[in-house]
Structures are given as structure tokens and as C-alpha cells.
Amino acid sequence: DYRGLAPAAAFLAIAIILVALDLVADANDSSMALRDTYSIAIGVTLAAAIAAAAGAALWLELKDPTKAPPPQM
């Protein structure tokens, strides 16, 4: 079930948008403070995406634990 990964995907989409904005700011010679703000926001959203993906994996494993297959004899 991939619905648990929706928050991680949303954070990744936000990070991609921020990267695009950072590249545009770099091309337009914007202030370094703005570009630093974009870089920090990118790092925070990527960390949130990793945490959301890890949380989804943990939740899935707790909800429906993986079971070993029966022995074949």
C-alpha cells in the first residue's frame, strides 16, 4: 500500500520546487541571504521526507509484520 508514502512524496515535491527556485535565484544573481534560505529549506524538507518515509515503513511493519514463509519439505 503506497498511501503511507504520500507525505514523503509531498515533501520531495516541495524540495524539488525549492531547488528550482534556488536555481532561478542563482541565475538572476539574487541575494545570498535568499539563496541560503532556499538551501536551508531544501535541507529541512529533505530531512522531513526521510523521516516521513521511515515512519511509513515502521508503521507498515508494525501494522502488518513480515512473516517467514513456511518451510518446504
C-alpha atoms as a PDB file:
ATOM      1  CA  ASP A   1       0.000   0.000   0.000  1.00  0.00           C
ATOM      2  CA  TYR A   2       1.630   3.200  -1.192  1.00  0.00           C
ATOM      3  CA  ARG A   3      -0.687   5.643   0.595  1.00  0.00           C
ATOM      4  CA  GLY A   4       1.691   5.749   3.541  1.00  0.00           C
ATOM      5  CA  LEU A   5       4.368   7.266   1.312  1.00  0.00           C
ATOM      6  CA  ALA A   6       2.204  10.238   0.289  1.00  0.00           C
ATOM      7  CA  PRO A   7       3.660  12.598   2.948  1.00  0.00           C
ATOM      8  CA  ALA A   8       7.209  11.701   1.910  1.00  0.00           C
ATOM      9  CA  ALA A   9       6.313  12.290  -1.747  1.00  0.00           C
ATOM     10  CA  ALA A  10       4.779  15.656  -0.861  1.00  0.00           C
ATOM     11  CA  PHE A  11       7.944  16.725   0.961  1.00  0.00           C
ATOM     12  CA  LEU A  12      10.038  15.601  -2.016  1.00  0.00           C
ATOM     13  CA  ALA A  13       7.832  17.632  -4.361  1.00  0.00           C
ATOM     14  CA  ILE A  14       8.287  20.699  -2.149  1.00  0.00           C
ATOM     15  CA  ALA A  15      12.054  20.125  -2.148  1.00  0.00           C
ATOM     16  CA  ILE A  16      12.087  19.936  -5.959  1.00  0.00           C
ATOM     17  CA  ILE A  17      10.168  23.214  -6.182  1.00  0.00           C
ATOM     18  CA  LEU A  18      12.613  24.832  -3.757  1.00  0.00           C
ATOM     19  CA  VAL A  19      15.570  23.573  -5.802  1.00  0.00           C
ATOM     20  CA  ALA A  20      14.043  25.135  -8.923  1.00  0.00           C
ATOM     21  CA  LEU A  21      13.519  28.424  -7.073  1.00  0.00           C
ATOM     22  CA  ASP A  22      17.108  28.300  -5.818  1.00  0.00           C
ATOM     23  CA  LEU A  23      18.400  27.759  -9.358  1.00  0.00           C
ATOM     24  CA  VAL A  24      16.325  30.680 -10.628  1.00  0.00           C
ATOM     25  CA  ALA A  25      17.616  32.870  -7.797  1.00  0.00           C
ATOM     26  CA  ASP A  26      21.173  31.877  -8.702  1.00  0.00           C
ATOM     27  CA  ALA A  27      20.635  32.662 -12.384  1.00  0.00           C
ATOM     28  CA  ASN A  28      19.217  36.102 -11.510  1.00  0.00           C
ATOM     29  CA  ASP A  29      22.079  36.949  -9.123  1.00  0.00           C
ATOM     30  CA  SER A  30      19.705  37.280  -6.169  1.00  0.00           C
ATOM     31  CA  SER A  31      20.952  37.976  -2.681  1.00  0.00           C
ATOM     32  CA  MET A  32      22.953  35.321  -0.884  1.00  0.00           C
ATOM     33  CA  ALA A  33      20.553  35.506   2.060  1.00  0.00           C
ATOM     34  CA  LEU A  34      17.674  34.392  -0.174  1.00  0.00           C
ATOM     35  CA  ARG A  35      19.729  31.576  -1.651  1.00  0.00           C
ATOM     36  CA  ASP A  36      20.861  30.491   1.827  1.00  0.00           C
ATOM     37  CA  THR A  37      17.230  30.464   2.931  1.00  0.00           C
ATOM     38  CA  TYR A  38      16.325  28.243  -0.012  1.00  0.00           C
ATOM     39  CA  SER A  39      19.219  25.897   0.778  1.00  0.00           C
ATOM     40  CA  ILE A  40      18.189  25.576   4.415  1.00  0.00           C
ATOM     41  CA  ALA A  41      14.556  24.994   3.434  1.00  0.00           C
ATOM     42  CA  ILE A  42      15.652  22.303   0.970  1.00  0.00           C
ATOM     43  CA  GLY A  43      17.616  20.533   3.709  1.00  0.00           C
ATOM     44  CA  VAL A  44      14.705  20.695   6.123  1.00  0.00           C
ATOM     45  CA  THR A  45      12.201  19.343   3.597  1.00  0.00           C
ATOM     46  CA  LEU A  46      14.547  16.518   2.580  1.00  0.00           C
ATOM     47  CA  ALA A  47      15.022  15.592   6.251  1.00  0.00           C
ATOM     48  CA  ALA A  48      11.235  15.649   6.695  1.00  0.00           C
ATOM     49  CA  ALA A  49      10.835  13.419   3.629  1.00  0.00           C
ATOM     50  CA  ILE A  50      13.313  10.898   5.050  1.00  0.00           C
ATOM     51  CA  ALA A  51      11.573  10.949   8.435  1.00  0.00           C
ATOM     52  CA  ALA A  52       8.156  10.516   6.798  1.00  0.00           C
ATOM     53  CA  ALA A  53       9.375   7.586   4.684  1.00  0.00           C
ATOM     54  CA  ALA A  54      10.985   5.915   7.704  1.00  0.00           C
ATOM     55  CA  GLY A  55       7.823   6.480   9.715  1.00  0.00           C
ATOM     56  CA  ALA A  56       5.709   4.970   6.944  1.00  0.00           C
ATOM     57  CA  ALA A  57       7.964   1.909   6.777  1.00  0.00           C
ATOM     58  CA  LEU A  58       7.821   1.498  10.551  1.00  0.00           C
ATOM     59  CA  TRP A  59       4.041   1.930  10.606  1.00  0.00           C
ATOM     60  CA  LEU A  60       3.595  -0.631   7.821  1.00  0.00           C
ATOM     61  CA  GLU A  61       5.841  -3.115   9.607  1.00  0.00           C
ATOM     62  CA  LEU A  62       4.033  -2.651  12.931  1.00  0.00           C
ATOM     63  CA  LYS A  63       0.598  -2.884  11.301  1.00  0.00           C
ATOM     64  CA  ASP A  64       1.352  -5.926   9.146  1.00  0.00           C
ATOM     65  CA  PRO A  65       4.608  -7.619  10.204  1.00  0.00           C
ATOM     66  CA  THR A  66       6.613  -9.590   7.689  1.00  0.00           C
ATOM     67  CA  LYS A  67       6.324 -13.323   8.225  1.00  0.00           C
ATOM     68  CA  ALA A  68       8.767 -16.013   7.168  1.00  0.00           C
ATOM     69  CA  PRO A  69       7.428 -18.445   4.570  1.00  0.00           C
ATOM     70  CA  PRO A  70       6.609 -21.950   5.765  1.00  0.00           C
ATOM     71  CA  PRO A  71       9.421 -24.487   5.360  1.00  0.00           C
ATOM     72  CA  GLN A  72       9.290 -26.577   2.217  1.00  0.00           C
ATOM     73  CA  MET A  73       9.851 -30.239   2.933  1.00  0.00           C
END
